[in-house]
Amino acid sequence: MREWNSQLPPSSLLILGGISFCAAVVWTFIGKTRTRSGWVYRAKEPIVFWLVVATYYIGAFFFVGLYCYKAL
């Protein structure tokens, strides 16, 4: 049986990780993030803001780690 992501090139994981990391860095510096319900500002809702930003950092770490795992 083929893997679910066998059609994707391994570099796509690295690209997704890079995009996720860049988005997290930009949102950290500008102080607002985009969610499904709209914009969340660091000054108004700090806990939600940092949860969203942390999710993007963790996603970037996951995608880059998965890329490194598949490259070996």
PDB file of N, CA and C in Angstrom:
ATOM      1  N   MET A   1       0.839  -1.187   0.000  1.00  0.00           N
ATOM      2  CA  MET A   1       0.000   0.000   0.000  1.00  0.00           C
ATOM      3  C   MET A   1       0.880   1.244   0.000  1.00  0.00           C
ATOM      4  N   ARG A   2       0.486   2.198  -0.768  1.00  0.00           N
ATOM      5  CA  ARG A   2       1.270   3.420  -0.885  1.00  0.00           C
ATOM      6  C   ARG A   2       0.977   4.355   0.282  1.00  0.00           C
ATOM      7  N   GLU A   3       1.967   5.153   0.604  1.00  0.00           N
ATOM      8  CA  GLU A   3       1.781   6.132   1.673  1.00  0.00           C
ATOM      9  C   GLU A   3       0.882   7.253   1.191  1.00  0.00           C
ATOM     10  N   TRP A   4       0.236   7.940   2.122  1.00  0.00           N
ATOM     11  CA  TRP A   4      -0.702   9.014   1.768  1.00  0.00           C
ATOM     12  C   TRP A   4      -0.005  10.187   1.100  1.00  0.00           C
ATOM     13  N   ASN A   5       1.264  10.399   1.387  1.00  0.00           N
ATOM     14  CA  ASN A   5       1.960  11.557   0.832  1.00  0.00           C
ATOM     15  C   ASN A   5       3.014  11.153  -0.188  1.00  0.00           C
ATOM     16  N   SER A   6       2.871   9.980  -0.797  1.00  0.00           N
ATOM     17  CA  SER A   6       3.887   9.511  -1.719  1.00  0.00           C
ATOM     18  C   SER A   6       3.931  10.342  -2.998  1.00  0.00           C
ATOM     19  N   GLN A   7       2.877  11.057  -3.325  1.00  0.00           N
ATOM     20  CA  GLN A   7       2.845  11.869  -4.537  1.00  0.00           C
ATOM     21  C   GLN A   7       3.558  13.202  -4.354  1.00  0.00           C
ATOM     22  N   LEU A   8       3.758  13.623  -3.111  1.00  0.00           N
ATOM     23  CA  LEU A   8       4.406  14.902  -2.850  1.00  0.00           C
ATOM     24  C   LEU A   8       5.919  14.736  -2.823  1.00  0.00           C
ATOM     25  N   PRO A   9       6.649  15.671  -3.424  1.00  0.00           N
ATOM     26  CA  PRO A   9       8.112  15.600  -3.291  1.00  0.00           C
ATOM     27  C   PRO A   9       8.520  15.938  -1.863  1.00  0.00           C
ATOM     28  N   PRO A  10       9.623  15.381  -1.382  1.00  0.00           N
ATOM     29  CA  PRO A  10      10.030  15.641   0.001  1.00  0.00           C
ATOM     30  C   PRO A  10      10.308  17.119   0.275  1.00  0.00           C
ATOM     31  N   SER A  11      10.693  17.853  -0.757  1.00  0.00           N
ATOM     32  CA  SER A  11      10.979  19.272  -0.536  1.00  0.00           C
ATOM     33  C   SER A  11       9.733  20.070  -0.176  1.00  0.00           C
ATOM     34  N   SER A  12       8.539  19.532  -0.463  1.00  0.00           N
ATOM     35  CA  SER A  12       7.317  20.250  -0.104  1.00  0.00           C
ATOM     36  C   SER A  12       7.181  20.366   1.418  1.00  0.00           C
ATOM     37  N   LEU A  13       7.690  19.373   2.155  1.00  0.00           N
ATOM     38  CA  LEU A  13       7.665  19.461   3.614  1.00  0.00           C
ATOM     39  C   LEU A  13       8.549  20.598   4.108  1.00  0.00           C
ATOM     40  N   LEU A  14       9.704  20.745   3.472  1.00  0.00           N
ATOM     41  CA  LEU A  14      10.610  21.819   3.844  1.00  0.00           C
ATOM     42  C   LEU A  14      10.019  23.179   3.504  1.00  0.00           C
ATOM     43  N   ILE A  15       9.336  23.268   2.379  1.00  0.00           N
ATOM     44  CA  ILE A  15       8.686  24.522   1.982  1.00  0.00           C
ATOM     45  C   ILE A  15       7.577  24.872   2.963  1.00  0.00           C
ATOM     46  N   LEU A  16       6.757  23.899   3.348  1.00  0.00           N
ATOM     47  CA  LEU A  16       5.692  24.149   4.327  1.00  0.00           C
ATOM     48  C   LEU A  16       6.264  24.585   5.666  1.00  0.00           C
ATOM     49  N   GLY A  17       7.356  23.966   6.075  1.00  0.00           N
ATOM     50  CA  GLY A  17       8.005  24.360   7.326  1.00  0.00           C
ATOM     51  C   GLY A  17       8.528  25.784   7.259  1.00  0.00           C
ATOM     52  N   GLY A  18       9.121  26.148   6.134  1.00  0.00           N
ATOM     53  CA  GLY A  18       9.632  27.504   5.968  1.00  0.00           C
ATOM     54  C   GLY A  18       8.535  28.545   5.960  1.00  0.00           C
ATOM     55  N   ILE A  19       7.433  28.248   5.282  1.00  0.00           N
ATOM     56  CA  ILE A  19       6.301  29.180   5.255  1.00  0.00           C
ATOM     57  C   ILE A  19       5.713  29.339   6.646  1.00  0.00           C
ATOM     58  N   SER A  20       5.559  28.237   7.359  1.00  0.00           N
ATOM     59  CA  SER A  20       5.001  28.293   8.705  1.00  0.00           C
ATOM     60  C   SER A  20       5.904  29.090   9.648  1.00  0.00           C
ATOM     61  N   PHE A  21       7.212  28.872   9.546  1.00  0.00           N
ATOM     62  CA  PHE A  21       8.150  29.599  10.396  1.00  0.00           C
ATOM     63  C   PHE A  21       8.143  31.091  10.071  1.00  0.00           C
ATOM     64  N   CYS A  22       8.137  31.425   8.793  1.00  0.00           N
ATOM     65  CA  CYS A  22       8.111  32.841   8.401  1.00  0.00           C
ATOM     66  C   CYS A  22       6.830  33.524   8.872  1.00  0.00           C
ATOM     67  N   ALA A  23       5.705  32.839   8.758  1.00  0.00           N
ATOM     68  CA  ALA A  23       4.444  33.413   9.227  1.00  0.00           C
ATOM     69  C   ALA A  23       4.488  33.646  10.734  1.00  0.00           C
ATOM     70  N   ALA A  24       5.037  32.701  11.479  1.00  0.00           N
ATOM     71  CA  ALA A  24       5.128  32.854  12.932  1.00  0.00           C
ATOM     72  C   ALA A  24       6.024  34.025  13.312  1.00  0.00           C
ATOM     73  N   VAL A  25       7.139  34.187  12.613  1.00  0.00           N
ATOM     74  CA  VAL A  25       8.055  35.292  12.913  1.00  0.00           C
ATOM     75  C   VAL A  25       7.398  36.639  12.588  1.00  0.00           C
ATOM     76  N   VAL A  26       6.762  36.722  11.431  1.00  0.00           N
ATOM     77  CA  VAL A  26       6.105  37.985  11.041  1.00  0.00           C
ATOM     78  C   VAL A  26       5.009  38.330  12.031  1.00  0.00           C
ATOM     79  N   TRP A  27       4.177  37.362  12.401  1.00  0.00           N
ATOM     80  CA  TRP A  27       3.090  37.636  13.327  1.00  0.00           C
ATOM     81  C   TRP A  27       3.597  37.992  14.714  1.00  0.00           C
ATOM     82  N   THR A  28       4.730  37.426  15.106  1.00  0.00           N
ATOM     83  CA  THR A  28       5.322  37.791  16.387  1.00  0.00           C
ATOM     84  C   THR A  28       5.739  39.253  16.378  1.00  0.00           C
ATOM     85  N   PHE A  29       6.332  39.700  15.280  1.00  0.00           N
ATOM     86  CA  PHE A  29       6.815  41.077  15.215  1.00  0.00           C
ATOM     87  C   PHE A  29       5.695  42.096  15.033  1.00  0.00           C
ATOM     88  N   ILE A  30       4.650  41.772  14.260  1.00  0.00           N
ATOM     89  CA  ILE A  30       3.596  42.767  14.053  1.00  0.00           C
ATOM     90  C   ILE A  30       2.552  42.749  15.163  1.00  0.00           C
ATOM     91  N   GLY A  31       2.502  41.682  15.930  1.00  0.00           N
ATOM     92  CA  GLY A  31       1.608  41.650  17.088  1.00  0.00           C
ATOM     93  C   GLY A  31       0.170  41.306  16.792  1.00  0.00           C
ATOM     94  N   LYS A  32      -0.098  40.724  15.643  1.00  0.00           N
ATOM     95  CA  LYS A  32      -1.455  40.256  15.366  1.00  0.00           C
ATOM     96  C   LYS A  32      -1.382  39.007  14.502  1.00  0.00           C
ATOM     97  N   THR A  33      -2.342  38.115  14.675  1.00  0.00           N
ATOM     98  CA  THR A  33      -2.387  36.873  13.913  1.00  0.00           C
ATOM     99  C   THR A  33      -3.751  36.723  13.278  1.00  0.00           C
ATOM    100  N   ARG A  34      -3.791  35.943  12.235  1.00  0.00           N
ATOM    101  CA  ARG A  34      -5.041  35.677  11.531  1.00  0.00           C
ATOM    102  C   ARG A  34      -5.580  34.331  11.998  1.00  0.00           C
ATOM    103  N   THR A  35      -6.837  34.326  12.407  1.00  0.00           N
ATOM    104  CA  THR A  35      -7.506  33.084  12.790  1.00  0.00           C
ATOM    105  C   THR A  35      -8.774  32.946  11.954  1.00  0.00           C
ATOM    106  N   ARG A  36      -9.506  31.867  12.181  1.00  0.00           N
ATOM    107  CA  ARG A  36     -10.748  31.677  11.420  1.00  0.00           C
ATOM    108  C   ARG A  36     -11.799  32.720  11.771  1.00  0.00           C
ATOM    109  N   SER A  37     -11.727  33.252  12.983  1.00  0.00           N
ATOM    110  CA  SER A  37     -12.737  34.233  13.398  1.00  0.00           C
ATOM    111  C   SER A  37     -12.286  35.673  13.191  1.00  0.00           C
ATOM    112  N   GLY A  38     -11.129  35.885  12.590  1.00  0.00           N
ATOM    113  CA  GLY A  38     -10.642  37.239  12.346  1.00  0.00           C
ATOM    114  C   GLY A  38      -9.242  37.428  12.900  1.00  0.00           C
ATOM    115  N   TRP A  39      -8.889  38.677  13.141  1.00  0.00           N
ATOM    116  CA  TRP A  39      -7.563  39.003  13.654  1.00  0.00           C
ATOM    117  C   TRP A  39      -7.542  38.948  15.175  1.00  0.00           C
ATOM    118  N   VAL A  40      -6.449  38.435  15.723  1.00  0.00           N
ATOM    119  CA  VAL A  40      -6.234  38.405  17.170  1.00  0.00           C
ATOM    120  C   VAL A  40      -5.010  39.266  17.457  1.00  0.00           C
ATOM    121  N   TYR A  41      -5.164  40.235  18.365  1.00  0.00           N
ATOM    122  CA  TYR A  41      -4.086  41.160  18.690  1.00  0.00           C
ATOM    123  C   TYR A  41      -3.401  40.752  19.986  1.00  0.00           C
ATOM    124  N   ARG A  42      -2.076  40.915  20.016  1.00  0.00           N
ATOM    125  CA  ARG A  42      -1.282  40.538  21.185  1.00  0.00           C
ATOM    126  C   ARG A  42      -1.671  41.342  22.413  1.00  0.00           C
ATOM    127  N   ALA A  43      -1.996  42.608  22.249  1.00  0.00           N
ATOM    128  CA  ALA A  43      -2.323  43.460  23.387  1.00  0.00           C
ATOM    129  C   ALA A  43      -3.709  43.150  23.959  1.00  0.00           C
ATOM    130  N   LYS A  44      -4.642  42.731  23.121  1.00  0.00           N
ATOM    131  CA  LYS A  44      -6.016  42.497  23.588  1.00  0.00           C
ATOM    132  C   LYS A  44      -6.238  41.083  24.112  1.00  0.00           C
ATOM    133  N   GLU A  45      -5.694  40.090  23.412  1.00  0.00           N
ATOM    134  CA  GLU A  45      -5.870  38.692  23.799  1.00  0.00           C
ATOM    135  C   GLU A  45      -4.524  37.971  23.759  1.00  0.00           C
ATOM    136  N   PRO A  46      -3.679  38.183  24.762  1.00  0.00           N
ATOM    137  CA  PRO A  46      -2.318  37.626  24.684  1.00  0.00           C
ATOM    138  C   PRO A  46      -2.259  36.099  24.711  1.00  0.00           C
ATOM    139  N   ILE A  47      -3.131  35.456  25.450  1.00  0.00           N
ATOM    140  CA  ILE A  47      -3.069  33.994  25.542  1.00  0.00           C
ATOM    141  C   ILE A  47      -3.427  33.359  24.203  1.00  0.00           C
ATOM    142  N   VAL A  48      -4.493  33.818  23.587  1.00  0.00           N
ATOM    143  CA  VAL A  48      -4.894  33.276  22.287  1.00  0.00           C
ATOM    144  C   VAL A  48      -3.828  33.584  21.240  1.00  0.00           C
ATOM    145  N   PHE A  49      -3.285  34.792  21.285  1.00  0.00           N
ATOM    146  CA  PHE A  49      -2.242  35.178  20.331  1.00  0.00           C
ATOM    147  C   PHE A  49      -1.057  34.226  20.416  1.00  0.00           C
ATOM    148  N   TRP A  50      -0.556  33.994  21.624  1.00  0.00           N
ATOM    149  CA  TRP A  50       0.631  33.147  21.761  1.00  0.00           C
ATOM    150  C   TRP A  50       0.335  31.689  21.462  1.00  0.00           C
ATOM    151  N   LEU A  51      -0.893  31.235  21.692  1.00  0.00           N
ATOM    152  CA  LEU A  51      -1.253  29.864  21.313  1.00  0.00           C
ATOM    153  C   LEU A  51      -1.224  29.688  19.796  1.00  0.00           C
ATOM    154  N   VAL A  52      -1.739  30.671  19.080  1.00  0.00           N
ATOM    155  CA  VAL A  52      -1.737  30.595  17.614  1.00  0.00           C
ATOM    156  C   VAL A  52      -0.308  30.653  17.083  1.00  0.00           C
ATOM    157  N   VAL A  53       0.489  31.571  17.602  1.00  0.00           N
ATOM    158  CA  VAL A  53       1.877  31.695  17.145  1.00  0.00           C
ATOM    159  C   VAL A  53       2.666  30.433  17.490  1.00  0.00           C
ATOM    160  N   ALA A  54       2.470  29.892  18.672  1.00  0.00           N
ATOM    161  CA  ALA A  54       3.167  28.661  19.066  1.00  0.00           C
ATOM    162  C   ALA A  54       2.774  27.496  18.164  1.00  0.00           C
ATOM    163  N   THR A  55       1.523  27.463  17.738  1.00  0.00           N
ATOM    164  CA  THR A  55       1.077  26.415  16.827  1.00  0.00           C
ATOM    165  C   THR A  55       1.842  26.483  15.510  1.00  0.00           C
ATOM    166  N   TYR A  56       2.077  27.686  15.029  1.00  0.00           N
ATOM    167  CA  TYR A  56       2.829  27.819  13.785  1.00  0.00           C
ATOM    168  C   TYR A  56       4.299  27.452  13.962  1.00  0.00           C
ATOM    169  N   TYR A  57       4.898  27.815  15.104  1.00  0.00           N
ATOM    170  CA  TYR A  57       6.284  27.412  15.360  1.00  0.00           C
ATOM    171  C   TYR A  57       6.395  25.890  15.473  1.00  0.00           C
ATOM    172  N   ILE A  58       5.463  25.267  16.165  1.00  0.00           N
ATOM    173  CA  ILE A  58       5.477  23.808  16.311  1.00  0.00           C
ATOM    174  C   ILE A  58       5.246  23.133  14.961  1.00  0.00           C
ATOM    175  N   GLY A  59       4.355  23.699  14.157  1.00  0.00           N
ATOM    176  CA  GLY A  59       4.129  23.167  12.820  1.00  0.00           C
ATOM    177  C   GLY A  59       5.382  23.232  11.970  1.00  0.00           C
ATOM    178  N   ALA A  60       6.098  24.349  12.056  1.00  0.00           N
ATOM    179  CA  ALA A  60       7.347  24.493  11.303  1.00  0.00           C
ATOM    180  C   ALA A  60       8.363  23.454  11.767  1.00  0.00           C
ATOM    181  N   PHE A  61       8.480  23.279  13.059  1.00  0.00           N
ATOM    182  CA  PHE A  61       9.402  22.280  13.608  1.00  0.00           C
ATOM    183  C   PHE A  61       9.024  20.875  13.141  1.00  0.00           C
ATOM    184  N   PHE A  62       7.736  20.589  13.130  1.00  0.00           N
ATOM    185  CA  PHE A  62       7.248  19.273  12.701  1.00  0.00           C
ATOM    186  C   PHE A  62       7.561  19.018  11.227  1.00  0.00           C
ATOM    187  N   PHE A  63       7.258  19.990  10.351  1.00  0.00           N
ATOM    188  CA  PHE A  63       7.487  19.800   8.922  1.00  0.00           C
ATOM    189  C   PHE A  63       8.969  19.653   8.590  1.00  0.00           C
ATOM    190  N   VAL A  64       9.813  20.464   9.214  1.00  0.00           N
ATOM    191  CA  VAL A  64      11.254  20.364   8.968  1.00  0.00           C
ATOM    192  C   VAL A  64      11.790  19.041   9.520  1.00  0.00           C
ATOM    193  N   GLY A  65      11.316  18.641  10.693  1.00  0.00           N
ATOM    194  CA  GLY A  65      11.731  17.356  11.260  1.00  0.00           C
ATOM    195  C   GLY A  65      11.304  16.184  10.409  1.00  0.00           C
ATOM    196  N   LEU A  66      10.104  16.244   9.870  1.00  0.00           N
ATOM    197  CA  LEU A  66       9.622  15.181   8.994  1.00  0.00           C
ATOM    198  C   LEU A  66      10.439  15.138   7.708  1.00  0.00           C
ATOM    199  N   TYR A  67      10.796  16.300   7.203  1.00  0.00           N
ATOM    200  CA  TYR A  67      11.649  16.356   6.012  1.00  0.00           C
ATOM    201  C   TYR A  67      13.007  15.702   6.311  1.00  0.00           C
ATOM    202  N   CYS A  68      13.608  16.042   7.440  1.00  0.00           N
ATOM    203  CA  CYS A  68      14.900  15.456   7.803  1.00  0.00           C
ATOM    204  C   CYS A  68      14.784  13.948   7.997  1.00  0.00           C
ATOM    205  N   TYR A  69      13.678  13.493   8.565  1.00  0.00           N
ATOM    206  CA  TYR A  69      13.471  12.070   8.771  1.00  0.00           C
ATOM    207  C   TYR A  69      13.352  11.338   7.434  1.00  0.00           C
ATOM    208  N   LYS A  70      12.620  11.921   6.491  1.00  0.00           N
ATOM    209  CA  LYS A  70      12.443  11.267   5.186  1.00  0.00           C
ATOM    210  C   LYS A  70      13.703  11.354   4.341  1.00  0.00           C
ATOM    211  N   ALA A  71      14.532  12.368   4.575  1.00  0.00           N
ATOM    212  CA  ALA A  71      15.741  12.527   3.775  1.00  0.00           C
ATOM    213  C   ALA A  71      16.810  11.503   4.155  1.00  0.00           C
ATOM    214  N   LEU A  72      16.717  10.951   5.349  1.00  0.00           N
ATOM    215  CA  LEU A  72      17.723   9.968   5.778  1.00  0.00           C
ATOM    216  C   LEU A  72      17.485   8.630   5.174  1.00  0.00           C
TER     217      LEU A  72
END
